[in-house]
Amino acid sequence: MTITHQDLRQFTGTETYYRHSLARNYLYTDGVQYLAEKAGAYWLVDAIIFTQMEKPFSHSPKLAEFQCWTLKALEGNRATLTCDDGNNNIVFIKQIPFTDFPLKEINLWLENKVLLLPSEH
């Protein structure tokens, strides 16, 4: 199925919080659940949440509070996943060698262990 940014703008809060199946202390919202299901992007949710166990995330209380994640599509079905601290200071970059993610770019926020769409804040 095709997903658009317009589809995601309908999420302006959440009624349900979903618990990550492996990292049980992390939650995500209705909008992130919709994105993961419709875009086949549970891998993106996993990539963001599993990164929390790595440095600098696991050693930084400030980063644990708020993170801005961006997935940008590149040519050849590749992508770059970056995280910044909310002030455009990039703290993490990961190259994604293959993805069929349907959007050119998506932003997700991780705030106090809850992954959400910016419109859900």
C-alpha atoms as a PDB file:
ATOM      1  CA  MET A   1       0.000   0.000   0.000  1.00  0.00           C
ATOM      2  CA  THR A   2       1.066   3.550  -0.641  1.00  0.00           C
ATOM      3  CA  ILE A   3       1.399   5.893   2.299  1.00  0.00           C
ATOM      4  CA  THR A   4       1.618   9.676   2.150  1.00  0.00           C
ATOM      5  CA  HIS A   5       2.517  12.477   4.519  1.00  0.00           C
ATOM      6  CA  GLN A   6      -1.134  13.511   4.309  1.00  0.00           C
ATOM      7  CA  ASP A   7      -2.085  10.074   5.721  1.00  0.00           C
ATOM      8  CA  LEU A   8       0.234  10.682   8.669  1.00  0.00           C
ATOM      9  CA  ARG A   9      -1.020  14.212   9.395  1.00  0.00           C
ATOM     10  CA  GLN A  10      -4.318  12.740  10.599  1.00  0.00           C
ATOM     11  CA  PHE A  11      -2.528  11.631  13.778  1.00  0.00           C
ATOM     12  CA  THR A  12      -2.628  14.453  16.317  1.00  0.00           C
ATOM     13  CA  GLY A  13      -2.322  12.534  19.533  1.00  0.00           C
ATOM     14  CA  THR A  14      -2.745   8.892  20.397  1.00  0.00           C
ATOM     15  CA  GLU A  15      -5.452   6.779  21.935  1.00  0.00           C
ATOM     16  CA  THR A  16      -3.303   3.685  22.294  1.00  0.00           C
ATOM     17  CA  TYR A  17       0.327   3.158  23.227  1.00  0.00           C
ATOM     18  CA  TYR A  18       1.981   0.060  21.793  1.00  0.00           C
ATOM     19  CA  ARG A  19       4.724  -1.657  23.758  1.00  0.00           C
ATOM     20  CA  HIS A  20       7.752  -2.741  21.751  1.00  0.00           C
ATOM     21  CA  SER A  21       7.844  -6.531  21.771  1.00  0.00           C
ATOM     22  CA  LEU A  22      11.541  -6.862  22.657  1.00  0.00           C
ATOM     23  CA  ALA A  23      12.422  -3.575  24.351  1.00  0.00           C
ATOM     24  CA  ARG A  24       9.445  -3.596  26.695  1.00  0.00           C
ATOM     25  CA  ASN A  25      10.236  -0.247  28.340  1.00  0.00           C
ATOM     26  CA  TYR A  26       9.698   1.586  25.003  1.00  0.00           C
ATOM     27  CA  LEU A  27       6.303   2.578  23.648  1.00  0.00           C
ATOM     28  CA  TYR A  28       5.047   3.929  20.339  1.00  0.00           C
ATOM     29  CA  THR A  29       1.883   5.701  19.274  1.00  0.00           C
ATOM     30  CA  ASP A  30      -1.050   5.080  16.928  1.00  0.00           C
ATOM     31  CA  GLY A  31       0.673   7.060  14.178  1.00  0.00           C
ATOM     32  CA  VAL A  32       3.889   5.070  14.412  1.00  0.00           C
ATOM     33  CA  GLN A  33       1.887   1.826  14.456  1.00  0.00           C
ATOM     34  CA  TYR A  34       0.047   2.964  11.301  1.00  0.00           C
ATOM     35  CA  LEU A  35       3.332   3.903   9.618  1.00  0.00           C
ATOM     36  CA  ALA A  36       4.970   0.597  10.539  1.00  0.00           C
ATOM     37  CA  GLU A  37       1.999  -1.451   9.357  1.00  0.00           C
ATOM     38  CA  LYS A  38       1.127   0.415   6.147  1.00  0.00           C
ATOM     39  CA  ALA A  39       4.715   1.085   5.037  1.00  0.00           C
ATOM     40  CA  GLY A  40       6.155  -2.246   6.187  1.00  0.00           C
ATOM     41  CA  ALA A  41       8.460  -0.311   8.469  1.00  0.00           C
ATOM     42  CA  TYR A  42       8.611  -2.236  11.721  1.00  0.00           C
ATOM     43  CA  TRP A  43      12.332  -2.443  10.913  1.00  0.00           C
ATOM     44  CA  LEU A  44      12.507   1.353  11.308  1.00  0.00           C
ATOM     45  CA  VAL A  45      10.870   1.212  14.741  1.00  0.00           C
ATOM     46  CA  ASP A  46      13.334  -1.536  15.708  1.00  0.00           C
ATOM     47  CA  ALA A  47      16.334   0.404  14.371  1.00  0.00           C
ATOM     48  CA  ILE A  48      15.462   3.467  16.447  1.00  0.00           C
ATOM     49  CA  ILE A  49      14.632   1.592  19.632  1.00  0.00           C
ATOM     50  CA  PHE A  50      17.531  -0.876  19.471  1.00  0.00           C
ATOM     51  CA  THR A  51      19.947   2.022  18.959  1.00  0.00           C
ATOM     52  CA  GLN A  52      18.971   3.252  22.433  1.00  0.00           C
ATOM     53  CA  MET A  53      21.123   0.479  23.886  1.00  0.00           C
ATOM     54  CA  GLU A  54      24.232   1.798  22.075  1.00  0.00           C
ATOM     55  CA  LYS A  55      26.559   4.672  22.918  1.00  0.00           C
ATOM     56  CA  PRO A  56      26.017   7.637  23.069  1.00  0.00           C
ATOM     57  CA  PHE A  57      22.364   6.925  23.869  1.00  0.00           C
ATOM     58  CA  SER A  58      22.817   4.532  26.757  1.00  0.00           C
ATOM     59  CA  HIS A  59      25.247   6.944  28.444  1.00  0.00           C
ATOM     60  CA  SER A  60      23.428  10.240  27.969  1.00  0.00           C
ATOM     61  CA  PRO A  61      20.466  11.224  30.150  1.00  0.00           C
ATOM     62  CA  LYS A  62      19.845  14.236  27.884  1.00  0.00           C
ATOM     63  CA  LEU A  63      19.513  12.047  24.783  1.00  0.00           C
ATOM     64  CA  ALA A  64      17.178   9.742  26.659  1.00  0.00           C
ATOM     65  CA  GLU A  65      14.675  12.605  26.988  1.00  0.00           C
ATOM     66  CA  PHE A  66      14.332  13.785  23.373  1.00  0.00           C
ATOM     67  CA  GLN A  67      15.625  12.663  19.980  1.00  0.00           C
ATOM     68  CA  CYS A  68      14.678  13.652  16.441  1.00  0.00           C
ATOM     69  CA  TRP A  69      15.077  10.790  13.940  1.00  0.00           C
ATOM     70  CA  THR A  70      15.096  11.277  10.160  1.00  0.00           C
ATOM     71  CA  LEU A  71      15.061   8.630   7.467  1.00  0.00           C
ATOM     72  CA  LYS A  72      16.041  10.025   4.046  1.00  0.00           C
ATOM     73  CA  ALA A  73      15.781   7.945   0.888  1.00  0.00           C
ATOM     74  CA  LEU A  74      18.762   7.931  -1.455  1.00  0.00           C
ATOM     75  CA  GLU A  75      19.172   6.662  -4.997  1.00  0.00           C
ATOM     76  CA  GLY A  76      19.319   2.926  -5.484  1.00  0.00           C
ATOM     77  CA  ASN A  77      16.854   2.033  -2.710  1.00  0.00           C
ATOM     78  CA  ARG A  78      19.304   3.110  -0.041  1.00  0.00           C
ATOM     79  CA  ALA A  79      18.668   5.470   2.851  1.00  0.00           C
ATOM     80  CA  THR A  80      20.323   7.305   5.711  1.00  0.00           C
ATOM     81  CA  LEU A  81      18.942   7.230   9.239  1.00  0.00           C
ATOM     82  CA  THR A  82      20.100  10.104  11.450  1.00  0.00           C
ATOM     83  CA  CYS A  83      19.365  11.226  14.959  1.00  0.00           C
ATOM     84  CA  ASP A  84      19.798  14.693  16.356  1.00  0.00           C
ATOM     85  CA  ASP A  85      19.254  16.127  19.806  1.00  0.00           C
ATOM     86  CA  GLY A  86      16.472  18.479  18.717  1.00  0.00           C
ATOM     87  CA  ASN A  87      18.932  21.331  18.129  1.00  0.00           C
ATOM     88  CA  ASN A  88      20.276  19.966  14.816  1.00  0.00           C
ATOM     89  CA  ASN A  89      23.314  18.414  16.522  1.00  0.00           C
ATOM     90  CA  ILE A  90      23.606  15.030  14.817  1.00  0.00           C
ATOM     91  CA  VAL A  91      24.577  12.309  17.273  1.00  0.00           C
ATOM     92  CA  PHE A  92      24.006   9.205  15.135  1.00  0.00           C
ATOM     93  CA  ILE A  93      24.127   8.264  11.446  1.00  0.00           C
ATOM     94  CA  LYS A  94      23.407   4.848   9.983  1.00  0.00           C
ATOM     95  CA  GLN A  95      23.492   3.883   6.325  1.00  0.00           C
ATOM     96  CA  ILE A  96      20.609   1.644   5.269  1.00  0.00           C
ATOM     97  CA  PRO A  97      21.871  -0.466   2.332  1.00  0.00           C
ATOM     98  CA  PHE A  98      18.392  -1.393   1.084  1.00  0.00           C
ATOM     99  CA  THR A  99      14.879  -0.177   1.738  1.00  0.00           C
ATOM    100  CA  ASP A 100      11.637   0.023  -0.172  1.00  0.00           C
ATOM    101  CA  PHE A 101      10.289   2.646   2.225  1.00  0.00           C
ATOM    102  CA  PRO A 102       7.628   4.566   0.242  1.00  0.00           C
ATOM    103  CA  LEU A 103       8.410   8.138   1.394  1.00  0.00           C
ATOM    104  CA  LYS A 104      11.425  10.265   0.462  1.00  0.00           C
ATOM    105  CA  GLU A 105      11.778  11.380   4.075  1.00  0.00           C
ATOM    106  CA  ILE A 106      10.140  10.765   7.430  1.00  0.00           C
ATOM    107  CA  ASN A 107      10.722  12.321  10.842  1.00  0.00           C
ATOM    108  CA  LEU A 108       9.999  10.541  14.105  1.00  0.00           C
ATOM    109  CA  TRP A 109      10.566  11.768  17.628  1.00  0.00           C
ATOM    110  CA  LEU A 110      11.567   9.713  20.620  1.00  0.00           C
ATOM    111  CA  GLU A 111      10.523  11.480  23.794  1.00  0.00           C
ATOM    112  CA  ASN A 112      10.896   9.908  27.227  1.00  0.00           C
ATOM    113  CA  LYS A 113      10.906   6.403  25.699  1.00  0.00           C
ATOM    114  CA  VAL A 114       7.843   7.025  23.506  1.00  0.00           C
ATOM    115  CA  LEU A 115       8.291   6.991  19.706  1.00  0.00           C
ATOM    116  CA  LEU A 116       5.838   9.310  17.937  1.00  0.00           C
ATOM    117  CA  LEU A 117       5.128  11.305  14.826  1.00  0.00           C
ATOM    118  CA  PRO A 118       5.831  15.033  15.268  1.00  0.00           C
ATOM    119  CA  SER A 119       2.119  15.747  14.677  1.00  0.00           C
ATOM    120  CA  GLU A 120       1.274  13.589  17.707  1.00  0.00           C
ATOM    121  CA  HIS A 121       3.258  15.763  20.108  1.00  0.00           C
END
